Amino acid sequence: MAHCSGSILRVITPAAQTAAPGGDLCQRTAYGFGLLDAGLMVQQAALFNAVAPQRRCTQDVTLDPSRILSPGGGISVDIQSEACRGRTNEISSLEHVQVRVSVSAACRGDLSISLESPGGTVSLLLDARPNDASAAGLKNWTLMTVHCWGEGPRGLWTLRVTDRRGTVRSCARPSEEEAAGALLAVTLVLYGTSGPRRAAHGKRRPLAGTLNSCKPEVSAENFL
């Protein structure tokens, strides 16, 4: 259903909508990929060719030693992935992507985490949160994005962890602290299919109103 939905979306707002660099879908954090058109979904479903079964490719990242996060600073971890090439769970077209992380933190709400795909799409996995004053950090948290949908998975992924010190005012962080935390463990989990890229799965038929550009069709004001 998700593959079918991707071809009948109405694009929302001209300024804030962006095209996914490595795929063919427009997306924005606030509105996702756009507004579903139920009528066109029914038409498209009657013509749509089923995609291959979903596969999962898991890649543990070696961090030895752990990556120290300086106060107010950031760290990046590059992950070179072949998306399980040559194995039974090989992936050539992405669906959703997960990152499992363990991060120690002086103040968890000050942490921000993003992931950049090989195609150049940057997904904000975890934003800073002003009401999260916990010092417990993130212990094997699973973060997810669908912004890379339809992209090729092979290449360099970049995970970025940033300390946005001062976001949580209730955190009593010393002015001369040596570290804001540390990145302890990372696992990249790719979900997708093998075979042709997403746009070739039952190539879009010329239905009136289907998405073929990032030209806005619906104003965000309709949702306010």
N, C-alpha and C. Protein backbone atom coordinates (compact mmCIF):
# COMPACT_ATOMS: atom_id res chain seq x y z
N MET A 1 0.82 -1.19 0.00
CA MET A 1 0.00 0.00 0.00
C MET A 1 0.86 1.26 0.00
N ALA A 2 1.97 1.22 0.74
CA ALA A 2 2.83 2.40 0.82
C ALA A 2 3.43 2.73 -0.54
N HIS A 3 3.82 1.72 -1.32
CA HIS A 3 4.36 1.97 -2.65
C HIS A 3 3.31 2.60 -3.55
N CYS A 4 2.10 2.12 -3.47
CA CYS A 4 1.01 2.68 -4.26
C CYS A 4 0.73 4.11 -3.85
N SER A 5 0.73 4.37 -2.55
CA SER A 5 0.42 5.70 -2.03
C SER A 5 1.42 6.73 -2.53
N GLY A 6 2.67 6.32 -2.72
CA GLY A 6 3.70 7.26 -3.11
C GLY A 6 3.47 7.90 -4.46
N SER A 7 2.62 7.31 -5.28
CA SER A 7 2.41 7.84 -6.62
C SER A 7 1.15 8.68 -6.75
N ILE A 8 0.40 8.88 -5.66
CA ILE A 8 -0.83 9.67 -5.76
C ILE A 8 -0.90 10.73 -4.66
N LEU A 9 0.26 11.33 -4.37
CA LEU A 9 0.32 12.34 -3.33
C LEU A 9 0.15 13.74 -3.89
N ARG A 10 -0.54 14.59 -3.15
CA ARG A 10 -0.66 16.00 -3.50
C ARG A 10 0.43 16.77 -2.74
N VAL A 11 1.22 17.55 -3.45
CA VAL A 11 2.32 18.27 -2.83
C VAL A 11 1.80 19.48 -2.07
N ILE A 12 2.33 19.68 -0.84
CA ILE A 12 1.89 20.75 0.03
C ILE A 12 2.96 21.83 0.15
N THR A 13 2.59 23.07 0.00
CA THR A 13 3.37 24.29 0.19
C THR A 13 4.58 24.40 -0.73
N PRO A 14 4.75 25.54 -1.39
CA PRO A 14 5.85 25.72 -2.33
C PRO A 14 7.21 25.93 -1.68
N ALA A 15 7.26 26.74 -0.62
CA ALA A 15 8.55 27.12 -0.08
C ALA A 15 9.20 26.03 0.76
N ALA A 16 8.39 25.34 1.55
CA ALA A 16 8.95 24.41 2.53
C ALA A 16 9.08 23.00 1.99
N GLN A 17 8.43 22.67 0.89
CA GLN A 17 8.51 21.33 0.34
C GLN A 17 9.84 21.14 -0.36
N THR A 18 10.48 20.03 -0.16
CA THR A 18 11.77 19.78 -0.78
C THR A 18 11.75 18.44 -1.49
N ALA A 19 12.56 18.31 -2.53
CA ALA A 19 12.67 17.05 -3.24
C ALA A 19 13.74 16.20 -2.58
N ALA A 20 13.44 14.93 -2.35
CA ALA A 20 14.44 14.02 -1.80
C ALA A 20 15.56 13.88 -2.81
N PRO A 21 16.82 14.22 -2.45
CA PRO A 21 17.91 14.23 -3.41
C PRO A 21 18.13 12.89 -4.09
N GLY A 22 17.96 11.78 -3.36
CA GLY A 22 18.28 10.49 -3.94
C GLY A 22 17.08 9.71 -4.44
N GLY A 23 15.89 10.25 -4.30
CA GLY A 23 14.68 9.55 -4.73
C GLY A 23 13.86 10.42 -5.65
N ASP A 24 12.59 10.06 -5.85
CA ASP A 24 11.75 10.86 -6.74
C ASP A 24 10.49 11.33 -6.02
N LEU A 25 10.51 11.33 -4.70
CA LEU A 25 9.38 11.82 -3.92
C LEU A 25 9.75 13.12 -3.22
N CYS A 26 8.81 14.06 -3.19
CA CYS A 26 9.01 15.30 -2.44
C CYS A 26 8.60 15.05 -0.99
N GLN A 27 9.31 15.67 -0.06
CA GLN A 27 8.97 15.45 1.34
C GLN A 27 9.32 16.67 2.16
N ARG A 28 8.60 16.79 3.26
CA ARG A 28 8.88 17.81 4.25
C ARG A 28 8.59 17.22 5.63
N THR A 29 9.43 17.56 6.61
CA THR A 29 9.26 16.99 7.94
C THR A 29 7.87 17.25 8.50
N ALA A 30 7.33 18.45 8.29
CA ALA A 30 6.05 18.82 8.89
C ALA A 30 4.87 18.11 8.26
N TYR A 31 4.96 17.74 6.97
CA TYR A 31 3.80 17.18 6.27
C TYR A 31 4.08 15.82 5.62
N GLY A 32 5.27 15.27 5.84
CA GLY A 32 5.59 14.01 5.20
C GLY A 32 5.75 14.18 3.70
N PHE A 33 5.23 13.23 2.93
CA PHE A 33 5.36 13.26 1.48
C PHE A 33 4.21 14.00 0.80
N GLY A 34 3.20 14.39 1.57
CA GLY A 34 2.09 15.13 0.96
C GLY A 34 0.75 14.59 1.41
N LEU A 35 -0.28 15.00 0.70
CA LEU A 35 -1.66 14.64 1.04
C LEU A 35 -2.15 13.51 0.15
N LEU A 36 -2.67 12.45 0.75
CA LEU A 36 -3.18 11.32 -0.02
C LEU A 36 -4.48 11.68 -0.73
N ASP A 37 -4.59 11.24 -1.96
CA ASP A 37 -5.82 11.42 -2.74
C ASP A 37 -6.51 10.05 -2.79
N ALA A 38 -7.57 9.88 -2.01
CA ALA A 38 -8.22 8.57 -1.88
C ALA A 38 -8.77 8.06 -3.21
N GLY A 39 -9.33 8.97 -4.02
CA GLY A 39 -9.88 8.55 -5.30
C GLY A 39 -8.82 8.01 -6.24
N LEU A 40 -7.71 8.73 -6.33
CA LEU A 40 -6.62 8.26 -7.19
C LEU A 40 -5.98 7.00 -6.64
N MET A 41 -6.01 6.83 -5.32
CA MET A 41 -5.45 5.61 -4.73
C MET A 41 -6.22 4.38 -5.21
N VAL A 42 -7.54 4.50 -5.28
CA VAL A 42 -8.37 3.39 -5.76
C VAL A 42 -8.03 3.08 -7.22
N GLN A 43 -7.90 4.12 -8.05
CA GLN A 43 -7.56 3.91 -9.46
C GLN A 43 -6.19 3.25 -9.60
N GLN A 44 -5.22 3.77 -8.87
CA GLN A 44 -3.87 3.25 -8.97
C GLN A 44 -3.77 1.81 -8.47
N ALA A 45 -4.52 1.47 -7.43
CA ALA A 45 -4.48 0.13 -6.87
C ALA A 45 -4.92 -0.92 -7.89
N ALA A 46 -5.86 -0.54 -8.75
CA ALA A 46 -6.35 -1.48 -9.76
C ALA A 46 -5.30 -1.79 -10.81
N LEU A 47 -4.33 -0.89 -10.98
CA LEU A 47 -3.32 -1.05 -12.02
C LEU A 47 -1.94 -1.42 -11.47
N PHE A 48 -1.78 -1.29 -10.17
CA PHE A 48 -0.45 -1.37 -9.58
C PHE A 48 0.09 -2.79 -9.56
N ASN A 49 1.35 -2.94 -9.94
CA ASN A 49 2.03 -4.23 -9.88
C ASN A 49 2.68 -4.40 -8.51
N ALA A 50 2.48 -5.54 -7.89
CA ALA A 50 3.01 -5.79 -6.55
C ALA A 50 4.54 -5.73 -6.55
N VAL A 51 5.10 -5.24 -5.46
CA VAL A 51 6.55 -5.19 -5.32
C VAL A 51 7.04 -6.50 -4.71
N ALA A 52 8.34 -6.68 -4.74
CA ALA A 52 8.93 -7.89 -4.16
C ALA A 52 8.79 -7.87 -2.64
N PRO A 53 8.91 -9.05 -2.00
CA PRO A 53 8.81 -9.10 -0.53
C PRO A 53 9.86 -8.22 0.13
N GLN A 54 9.50 -7.67 1.28
CA GLN A 54 10.42 -6.80 2.00
C GLN A 54 11.59 -7.60 2.57
N ARG A 55 12.76 -6.99 2.53
CA ARG A 55 13.95 -7.59 3.11
C ARG A 55 14.53 -6.66 4.17
N ARG A 56 15.35 -7.23 5.05
CA ARG A 56 16.01 -6.44 6.08
C ARG A 56 17.50 -6.73 6.07
N CYS A 57 18.29 -5.68 6.10
CA CYS A 57 19.75 -5.80 6.13
C CYS A 57 20.25 -5.04 7.35
N THR A 58 20.93 -5.75 8.25
CA THR A 58 21.42 -5.17 9.50
C THR A 58 22.94 -5.06 9.48
N GLN A 59 23.45 -3.90 9.86
CA GLN A 59 24.89 -3.66 9.85
C GLN A 59 25.32 -3.01 11.16
N ASP A 60 26.08 -3.75 11.97
CA ASP A 60 26.63 -3.20 13.21
C ASP A 60 27.85 -2.34 12.89
N VAL A 61 27.97 -1.24 13.59
CA VAL A 61 29.08 -0.31 13.38
C VAL A 61 30.07 -0.44 14.54
N THR A 62 31.33 -0.62 14.21
CA THR A 62 32.36 -0.74 15.24
C THR A 62 32.79 0.63 15.73
N LEU A 63 32.65 0.87 17.02
CA LEU A 63 33.10 2.12 17.64
C LEU A 63 34.12 1.77 18.71
N ASP A 64 35.38 1.84 18.37
CA ASP A 64 36.44 1.47 19.31
C ASP A 64 37.60 2.45 19.17
N PRO A 65 37.72 3.40 20.09
CA PRO A 65 36.91 3.57 21.30
C PRO A 65 35.59 4.27 21.02
N SER A 66 34.81 4.49 22.07
CA SER A 66 33.57 5.24 21.94
C SER A 66 33.87 6.66 21.48
N ARG A 67 32.91 7.27 20.79
CA ARG A 67 33.10 8.63 20.29
C ARG A 67 32.62 9.63 21.33
N ILE A 68 33.52 10.48 21.79
CA ILE A 68 33.21 11.45 22.84
C ILE A 68 32.54 12.68 22.22
N LEU A 69 31.46 13.13 22.86
CA LEU A 69 30.73 14.31 22.41
C LEU A 69 31.13 15.50 23.28
N SER A 70 31.75 16.50 22.69
CA SER A 70 32.18 17.67 23.45
C SER A 70 30.99 18.58 23.74
N PRO A 71 31.04 19.35 24.81
CA PRO A 71 29.94 20.25 25.15
C PRO A 71 29.65 21.25 24.03
N GLY A 72 28.42 21.27 23.56
CA GLY A 72 28.03 22.17 22.49
C GLY A 72 28.56 21.76 21.13
N GLY A 73 29.18 20.61 21.03
CA GLY A 73 29.77 20.16 19.78
C GLY A 73 28.98 19.05 19.12
N GLY A 74 29.62 18.39 18.17
CA GLY A 74 28.96 17.30 17.45
C GLY A 74 29.96 16.27 16.99
N ILE A 75 29.49 15.08 16.72
CA ILE A 75 30.33 14.02 16.17
C ILE A 75 29.62 13.38 14.99
N SER A 76 30.41 12.88 14.05
CA SER A 76 29.87 12.22 12.87
C SER A 76 30.47 10.83 12.75
N VAL A 77 29.65 9.89 12.35
CA VAL A 77 30.11 8.52 12.11
C VAL A 77 29.73 8.13 10.69
N ASP A 78 30.72 7.81 9.88
CA ASP A 78 30.48 7.37 8.51
C ASP A 78 30.29 5.86 8.47
N ILE A 79 29.26 5.43 7.76
CA ILE A 79 28.93 4.01 7.65
C ILE A 79 28.89 3.65 6.17
N GLN A 80 29.87 2.91 5.70
CA GLN A 80 29.90 2.45 4.32
C GLN A 80 29.08 1.17 4.22
N SER A 81 28.04 1.19 3.40
CA SER A 81 27.14 0.03 3.34
C SER A 81 27.03 -0.50 1.91
N GLU A 82 27.03 -1.81 1.81
CA GLU A 82 26.75 -2.49 0.54
C GLU A 82 25.36 -3.09 0.54
N ALA A 83 24.59 -2.82 1.59
CA ALA A 83 23.19 -3.27 1.69
C ALA A 83 23.06 -4.77 1.49
N CYS A 84 23.99 -5.52 2.11
CA CYS A 84 23.98 -6.99 2.06
C CYS A 84 24.08 -7.52 0.63
N ARG A 85 24.84 -6.85 -0.20
CA ARG A 85 25.02 -7.28 -1.59
C ARG A 85 25.53 -8.72 -1.66
N GLY A 86 24.92 -9.51 -2.54
CA GLY A 86 25.33 -10.88 -2.74
C GLY A 86 24.75 -11.88 -1.76
N ARG A 87 23.92 -11.40 -0.83
CA ARG A 87 23.29 -12.29 0.14
C ARG A 87 21.80 -12.38 -0.13
N THR A 88 21.14 -13.31 0.56
CA THR A 88 19.71 -13.51 0.31
C THR A 88 18.87 -12.32 0.74
N ASN A 89 19.41 -11.47 1.61
CA ASN A 89 18.67 -10.29 2.06
C ASN A 89 19.20 -9.01 1.42
N GLU A 90 19.81 -9.14 0.25
CA GLU A 90 20.33 -7.97 -0.47
C GLU A 90 19.20 -6.98 -0.78
N ILE A 91 19.47 -5.70 -0.62
CA ILE A 91 18.49 -4.64 -0.88
C ILE A 91 19.03 -3.70 -1.95
N SER A 92 18.19 -3.35 -2.90
CA SER A 92 18.59 -2.40 -3.94
C SER A 92 17.71 -1.16 -3.96
N SER A 93 16.54 -1.22 -3.31
CA SER A 93 15.64 -0.07 -3.24
C SER A 93 15.11 0.06 -1.82
N LEU A 94 15.32 1.22 -1.22
CA LEU A 94 14.97 1.41 0.19
C LEU A 94 13.48 1.62 0.42
N GLU A 95 13.05 1.17 1.58
CA GLU A 95 11.75 1.55 2.12
C GLU A 95 12.06 2.40 3.37
N HIS A 96 11.92 1.84 4.57
CA HIS A 96 12.29 2.65 5.73
C HIS A 96 13.65 2.23 6.28
N VAL A 97 14.23 3.12 7.05
CA VAL A 97 15.56 2.91 7.60
C VAL A 97 15.51 3.15 9.11
N GLN A 98 16.16 2.26 9.85
CA GLN A 98 16.25 2.41 11.30
C GLN A 98 17.72 2.54 11.71
N VAL A 99 17.93 3.28 12.79
CA VAL A 99 19.24 3.34 13.43
C VAL A 99 19.03 3.04 14.91
N ARG A 100 19.72 2.03 15.43
CA ARG A 100 19.69 1.74 16.86
C ARG A 100 20.95 2.33 17.48
N VAL A 101 20.76 3.16 18.49
CA VAL A 101 21.90 3.85 19.08
C VAL A 101 21.90 3.73 20.60
N SER A 102 23.09 3.76 21.16
CA SER A 102 23.26 3.92 22.60
C SER A 102 24.18 5.13 22.79
N VAL A 103 23.69 6.11 23.54
CA VAL A 103 24.43 7.35 23.76
C VAL A 103 24.33 7.73 25.23
N SER A 104 25.46 7.96 25.86
CA SER A 104 25.43 8.53 27.21
C SER A 104 25.28 10.04 27.07
N ALA A 105 24.65 10.67 28.05
CA ALA A 105 24.40 12.11 27.93
C ALA A 105 24.28 12.76 29.29
N ALA A 106 24.87 13.94 29.42
CA ALA A 106 24.71 14.71 30.65
C ALA A 106 23.28 15.20 30.77
N CYS A 107 22.68 15.49 29.62
CA CYS A 107 21.28 15.95 29.58
C CYS A 107 20.68 15.46 28.27
N ARG A 108 19.84 14.44 28.34
CA ARG A 108 19.35 13.77 27.13
C ARG A 108 18.60 14.70 26.18
N GLY A 109 17.85 15.63 26.73
CA GLY A 109 17.06 16.52 25.88
C GLY A 109 17.88 17.46 25.03
N ASP A 110 19.17 17.62 25.35
CA ASP A 110 20.05 18.47 24.55
C ASP A 110 20.57 17.77 23.30
N LEU A 111 20.31 16.47 23.18
CA LEU A 111 20.82 15.70 22.05
C LEU A 111 19.95 15.86 20.81
N SER A 112 20.62 15.95 19.66
CA SER A 112 19.95 15.94 18.37
C SER A 112 20.69 14.95 17.48
N ILE A 113 19.94 14.11 16.76
CA ILE A 113 20.55 13.06 15.93
C ILE A 113 19.96 13.11 14.53
N SER A 114 20.82 13.09 13.53
CA SER A 114 20.37 13.08 12.14
C SER A 114 21.12 12.02 11.35
N LEU A 115 20.55 11.64 10.21
CA LEU A 115 21.15 10.62 9.35
C LEU A 115 21.10 11.11 7.91
N GLU A 116 22.25 11.07 7.24
CA GLU A 116 22.32 11.43 5.82
C GLU A 116 22.52 10.18 4.99
N SER A 117 21.67 9.99 3.98
CA SER A 117 21.73 8.80 3.13
C SER A 117 22.79 8.97 2.05
N PRO A 118 23.17 7.89 1.36
CA PRO A 118 24.11 8.00 0.24
C PRO A 118 23.60 8.93 -0.85
N GLY A 119 22.28 9.07 -0.96
CA GLY A 119 21.70 9.95 -1.97
C GLY A 119 21.65 11.40 -1.55
N GLY A 120 22.05 11.70 -0.31
CA GLY A 120 22.09 13.08 0.15
C GLY A 120 20.90 13.54 0.95
N THR A 121 19.94 12.67 1.20
CA THR A 121 18.77 13.04 2.00
C THR A 121 19.13 13.05 3.48
N VAL A 122 18.86 14.16 4.14
CA VAL A 122 19.14 14.29 5.57
C VAL A 122 17.83 14.15 6.35
N SER A 123 17.79 13.19 7.26
CA SER A 123 16.61 12.94 8.09
C SER A 123 16.93 13.29 9.53
N LEU A 124 16.09 14.10 10.14
CA LEU A 124 16.22 14.40 11.56
C LEU A 124 15.56 13.26 12.33
N LEU A 125 16.37 12.42 12.95
CA LEU A 125 15.86 11.25 13.66
C LEU A 125 15.39 11.60 15.07
N LEU A 126 16.08 12.52 15.69
CA LEU A 126 15.75 12.91 17.07
C LEU A 126 16.12 14.37 17.25
N ASP A 127 15.13 15.19 17.57
CA ASP A 127 15.39 16.61 17.79
C ASP A 127 15.64 16.86 19.28
N ALA A 128 16.26 17.99 19.60
CA ALA A 128 16.43 18.38 21.00
C ALA A 128 15.06 18.62 21.63
N ARG A 129 14.94 18.29 22.92
CA ARG A 129 13.64 18.32 23.59
C ARG A 129 13.76 19.08 24.91
N PRO A 130 13.18 20.27 25.01
CA PRO A 130 13.38 21.14 26.18
C PRO A 130 12.86 20.60 27.50
N ASN A 131 12.00 19.59 27.48
CA ASN A 131 11.44 19.05 28.72
C ASN A 131 12.06 17.72 29.15
N ASP A 132 13.09 17.28 28.45
CA ASP A 132 13.72 16.00 28.76
C ASP A 132 15.04 16.24 29.48
N ALA A 133 14.99 16.27 30.80
CA ALA A 133 16.18 16.56 31.61
C ALA A 133 16.88 15.30 32.11
N SER A 134 16.54 14.15 31.56
CA SER A 134 17.11 12.89 32.03
C SER A 134 18.61 12.82 31.75
N ALA A 135 19.33 12.20 32.68
CA ALA A 135 20.76 11.95 32.49
C ALA A 135 21.01 10.48 32.13
N ALA A 136 19.93 9.75 31.83
CA ALA A 136 20.04 8.32 31.54
C ALA A 136 20.57 8.04 30.14
N GLY A 137 20.55 9.04 29.26
CA GLY A 137 21.01 8.83 27.90
C GLY A 137 20.05 7.99 27.08
N LEU A 138 20.54 7.47 25.98
CA LEU A 138 19.75 6.61 25.10
C LEU A 138 20.35 5.22 25.16
N LYS A 139 19.59 4.26 25.61
CA LYS A 139 20.08 2.89 25.73
C LYS A 139 19.37 2.01 24.72
N ASN A 140 20.06 1.74 23.61
CA ASN A 140 19.53 0.90 22.55
C ASN A 140 18.21 1.46 22.01
N TRP A 141 18.16 2.74 21.78
CA TRP A 141 16.97 3.38 21.20
C TRP A 141 16.93 3.11 19.70
N THR A 142 15.73 2.85 19.18
CA THR A 142 15.53 2.66 17.75
C THR A 142 14.88 3.91 17.17
N LEU A 143 15.56 4.54 16.22
CA LEU A 143 15.08 5.74 15.54
C LEU A 143 14.82 5.39 14.08
N MET A 144 13.82 6.01 13.46
CA MET A 144 13.41 5.59 12.12
C MET A 144 13.15 6.78 11.21
N THR A 145 13.36 6.57 9.91
CA THR A 145 13.00 7.55 8.89
C THR A 145 12.46 6.84 7.65
N VAL A 146 11.53 7.50 6.96
CA VAL A 146 11.07 7.02 5.65
C VAL A 146 11.44 8.02 4.56
N HIS A 147 12.21 9.05 4.90
CA HIS A 147 12.55 10.09 3.93
C HIS A 147 13.42 9.57 2.79
N CYS A 148 14.05 8.41 2.98
CA CYS A 148 14.92 7.84 1.93
C CYS A 148 14.17 6.87 1.03
N TRP A 149 12.86 6.82 1.14
CA TRP A 149 12.04 5.85 0.40
C TRP A 149 12.33 5.93 -1.10
N GLY A 150 12.64 4.77 -1.68
CA GLY A 150 12.89 4.71 -3.12
C GLY A 150 14.33 4.96 -3.52
N GLU A 151 15.18 5.33 -2.58
CA GLU A 151 16.58 5.59 -2.91
C GLU A 151 17.37 4.28 -2.97
N GLY A 152 18.55 4.36 -3.56
CA GLY A 152 19.48 3.25 -3.51
C GLY A 152 20.20 3.25 -2.18
N PRO A 153 20.40 2.09 -1.55
CA PRO A 153 20.96 2.04 -0.20
C PRO A 153 22.48 1.98 -0.13
N ARG A 154 23.14 1.70 -1.24
CA ARG A 154 24.58 1.46 -1.20
C ARG A 154 25.36 2.77 -1.22
N GLY A 155 26.41 2.80 -0.41
CA GLY A 155 27.23 4.00 -0.35
C GLY A 155 27.47 4.44 1.07
N LEU A 156 27.76 5.73 1.23
CA LEU A 156 28.15 6.27 2.53
C LEU A 156 26.96 6.89 3.25
N TRP A 157 26.65 6.33 4.42
CA TRP A 157 25.67 6.91 5.34
C TRP A 157 26.44 7.67 6.41
N THR A 158 25.89 8.80 6.85
CA THR A 158 26.55 9.59 7.89
C THR A 158 25.57 9.87 9.02
N LEU A 159 25.93 9.38 10.21
CA LEU A 159 25.13 9.64 11.41
C LEU A 159 25.77 10.79 12.18
N ARG A 160 24.97 11.78 12.54
CA ARG A 160 25.48 12.94 13.27
C ARG A 160 24.75 13.08 14.61
N VAL A 161 25.53 13.23 15.66
CA VAL A 161 25.00 13.47 17.00
C VAL A 161 25.49 14.84 17.46
N THR A 162 24.57 15.70 17.85
CA THR A 162 24.91 17.07 18.22
C THR A 162 24.41 17.38 19.63
N ASP A 163 25.25 18.06 20.40
CA ASP A 163 24.85 18.53 21.72
C ASP A 163 24.36 19.97 21.60
N ARG A 164 23.05 20.17 21.69
CA ARG A 164 22.48 21.52 21.63
C ARG A 164 22.32 22.03 23.06
N ARG A 165 23.47 22.28 23.63
CA ARG A 165 23.53 22.68 25.04
C ARG A 165 22.67 23.92 25.29
N GLY A 166 21.91 23.87 26.39
CA GLY A 166 21.05 24.99 26.74
C GLY A 166 19.61 24.80 26.35
N THR A 167 19.32 23.73 25.57
CA THR A 167 17.93 23.46 25.19
C THR A 167 17.08 23.19 26.42
N VAL A 168 17.62 22.37 27.33
CA VAL A 168 16.91 22.03 28.57
C VAL A 168 17.45 22.91 29.70
N ARG A 169 16.71 23.92 30.05
CA ARG A 169 17.19 24.87 31.05
C ARG A 169 17.23 24.28 32.46
N SER A 170 16.46 23.24 32.68
CA SER A 170 16.44 22.64 34.03
C SER A 170 17.62 21.72 34.28
N CYS A 171 18.43 21.46 33.25
CA CYS A 171 19.61 20.62 33.44
C CYS A 171 20.73 21.44 34.08
N ALA A 172 21.26 20.94 35.17
CA ALA A 172 22.34 21.63 35.87
C ALA A 172 23.69 21.14 35.33
N ARG A 173 24.06 21.61 34.15
CA ARG A 173 25.32 21.20 33.55
C ARG A 173 26.42 22.18 33.95
N PRO A 174 27.55 21.67 34.44
CA PRO A 174 28.64 22.56 34.84
C PRO A 174 29.22 23.31 33.65
N SER A 175 29.66 24.52 33.87
CA SER A 175 30.18 25.35 32.78
C SER A 175 31.49 24.82 32.23
N GLU A 176 32.22 24.05 33.03
CA GLU A 176 33.53 23.54 32.59
C GLU A 176 33.51 22.03 32.40
N GLU A 177 32.39 21.45 32.05
CA GLU A 177 32.32 20.00 31.88
C GLU A 177 33.23 19.54 30.74
N GLU A 178 33.80 18.36 30.89
CA GLU A 178 34.74 17.84 29.91
C GLU A 178 34.04 17.22 28.71
N ALA A 179 32.88 16.64 28.93
CA ALA A 179 32.17 15.97 27.84
C ALA A 179 30.66 16.06 28.07
N ALA A 180 29.93 16.13 26.96
CA ALA A 180 28.46 16.14 27.04
C ALA A 180 27.90 14.74 27.00
N GLY A 181 28.74 13.78 26.61
CA GLY A 181 28.30 12.40 26.50
C GLY A 181 29.19 11.64 25.55
N ALA A 182 28.73 10.48 25.12
CA ALA A 182 29.52 9.66 24.21
C ALA A 182 28.61 8.75 23.41
N LEU A 183 28.97 8.54 22.15
CA LEU A 183 28.27 7.59 21.29
C LEU A 183 28.87 6.22 21.53
N LEU A 184 28.07 5.29 22.05
CA LEU A 184 28.58 4.00 22.50
C LEU A 184 28.36 2.87 21.51
N ALA A 185 27.23 2.89 20.80
CA ALA A 185 26.91 1.79 19.88
C ALA A 185 25.97 2.28 18.79
N VAL A 186 26.17 1.74 17.58
CA VAL A 186 25.34 2.11 16.43
C VAL A 186 25.07 0.87 15.59
N THR A 187 23.82 0.69 15.20
CA THR A 187 23.44 -0.36 14.25
C THR A 187 22.54 0.26 13.18
N LEU A 188 22.90 0.05 11.92
CA LEU A 188 22.09 0.53 10.80
C LEU A 188 21.23 -0.61 10.29
N VAL A 189 19.93 -0.39 10.19
CA VAL A 189 19.00 -1.42 9.73
C VAL A 189 18.25 -0.88 8.51
N LEU A 190 18.46 -1.52 7.38
CA LEU A 190 17.83 -1.10 6.13
C LEU A 190 16.68 -2.04 5.79
N TYR A 191 15.56 -1.48 5.39
CA TYR A 191 14.41 -2.25 4.91
C TYR A 191 14.14 -1.86 3.47
N GLY A 192 13.83 -2.84 2.65
CA GLY A 192 13.55 -2.53 1.26
C GLY A 192 13.34 -3.78 0.43
N THR A 193 13.52 -3.63 -0.87
CA THR A 193 13.30 -4.73 -1.79
C THR A 193 14.51 -4.91 -2.69
N SER A 194 14.54 -6.03 -3.38
CA SER A 194 15.58 -6.30 -4.36
C SER A 194 14.98 -6.22 -5.74
N GLY A 195 15.77 -5.75 -6.69
CA GLY A 195 15.26 -5.63 -8.05
C GLY A 195 15.24 -4.17 -8.47
N PRO A 196 14.33 -3.81 -9.38
CA PRO A 196 14.28 -2.44 -9.87
C PRO A 196 14.03 -1.44 -8.75
N ARG A 197 14.51 -0.21 -8.96
CA ARG A 197 14.26 0.85 -7.99
C ARG A 197 12.78 1.12 -7.88
N ARG A 198 12.37 1.86 -6.83
CA ARG A 198 10.96 2.08 -6.50
C ARG A 198 10.11 2.59 -7.66
N ALA A 199 10.63 3.53 -8.43
CA ALA A 199 9.83 4.12 -9.49
C ALA A 199 9.50 3.13 -10.59
N ALA A 200 10.27 2.03 -10.66
CA ALA A 200 10.04 1.04 -11.71
C ALA A 200 9.08 -0.06 -11.27
N HIS A 201 8.69 -0.06 -10.01
CA HIS A 201 7.73 -1.06 -9.52
C HIS A 201 6.35 -0.71 -10.05
N GLY A 202 5.97 -1.30 -11.17
CA GLY A 202 4.69 -0.94 -11.75
C GLY A 202 4.73 0.52 -12.14
N LYS A 203 5.53 0.84 -13.16
CA LYS A 203 5.77 2.23 -13.54
C LYS A 203 4.49 3.02 -13.56
N ARG A 204 4.53 4.23 -13.01
CA ARG A 204 3.32 5.03 -12.89
C ARG A 204 2.61 5.20 -14.23
N ARG A 205 1.32 4.93 -14.23
CA ARG A 205 0.51 5.16 -15.41
C ARG A 205 0.09 6.63 -15.44
N PRO A 206 -0.23 7.17 -16.59
CA PRO A 206 -0.59 8.59 -16.69
C PRO A 206 -1.98 8.88 -16.16
N LEU A 207 -2.17 8.79 -14.84
CA LEU A 207 -3.44 9.13 -14.24
C LEU A 207 -3.49 10.62 -13.96
N ALA A 208 -4.63 11.22 -14.19
CA ALA A 208 -4.77 12.65 -13.94
C ALA A 208 -4.51 12.96 -12.47
N GLY A 209 -3.64 13.92 -12.22
CA GLY A 209 -3.41 14.36 -10.85
C GLY A 209 -2.31 13.61 -10.13
N THR A 210 -1.64 12.64 -10.77
CA THR A 210 -0.56 11.95 -10.08
C THR A 210 0.64 12.86 -9.95
N LEU A 211 1.46 12.59 -8.95
CA LEU A 211 2.60 13.43 -8.64
C LEU A 211 3.73 13.18 -9.62
N ASN A 212 4.14 14.20 -10.36
CA ASN A 212 5.28 14.06 -11.24
C ASN A 212 6.26 15.22 -11.09
N SER A 213 6.06 16.08 -10.11
CA SER A 213 6.99 17.16 -9.82
C SER A 213 6.74 17.62 -8.40
N CYS A 214 7.54 18.59 -7.95
CA CYS A 214 7.36 19.14 -6.61
C CYS A 214 6.56 20.43 -6.65
N LYS A 215 5.83 20.65 -7.73
CA LYS A 215 4.98 21.83 -7.82
C LYS A 215 3.82 21.68 -6.83
N PRO A 216 3.60 22.69 -5.97
CA PRO A 216 2.56 22.57 -4.94
C PRO A 216 1.16 22.50 -5.51
N GLU A 217 0.33 21.62 -4.94
CA GLU A 217 -1.06 21.47 -5.34
C GLU A 217 -2.01 21.85 -4.22
N VAL A 218 -1.52 21.80 -2.97
CA VAL A 218 -2.35 22.08 -1.80
C VAL A 218 -1.62 23.05 -0.89
N SER A 219 -2.30 24.07 -0.41
CA SER A 219 -1.69 25.04 0.49
C SER A 219 -1.70 24.52 1.92
N ALA A 220 -0.61 24.78 2.64
CA ALA A 220 -0.54 24.36 4.04
C ALA A 220 -1.59 25.06 4.88
N GLU A 221 -2.10 26.20 4.41
CA GLU A 221 -3.12 26.92 5.16
C GLU A 221 -4.38 26.09 5.36
N ASN A 222 -4.60 25.10 4.46
CA ASN A 222 -5.77 24.25 4.59
C ASN A 222 -5.71 23.35 5.82
N PHE A 223 -4.51 23.24 6.42
CA PHE A 223 -4.33 22.34 7.56
C PHE A 223 -4.25 23.10 8.87
N LEU A 224 -4.33 24.43 8.82
CA LEU A 224 -4.21 25.23 10.03
C LEU A 224 -5.56 25.45 10.69
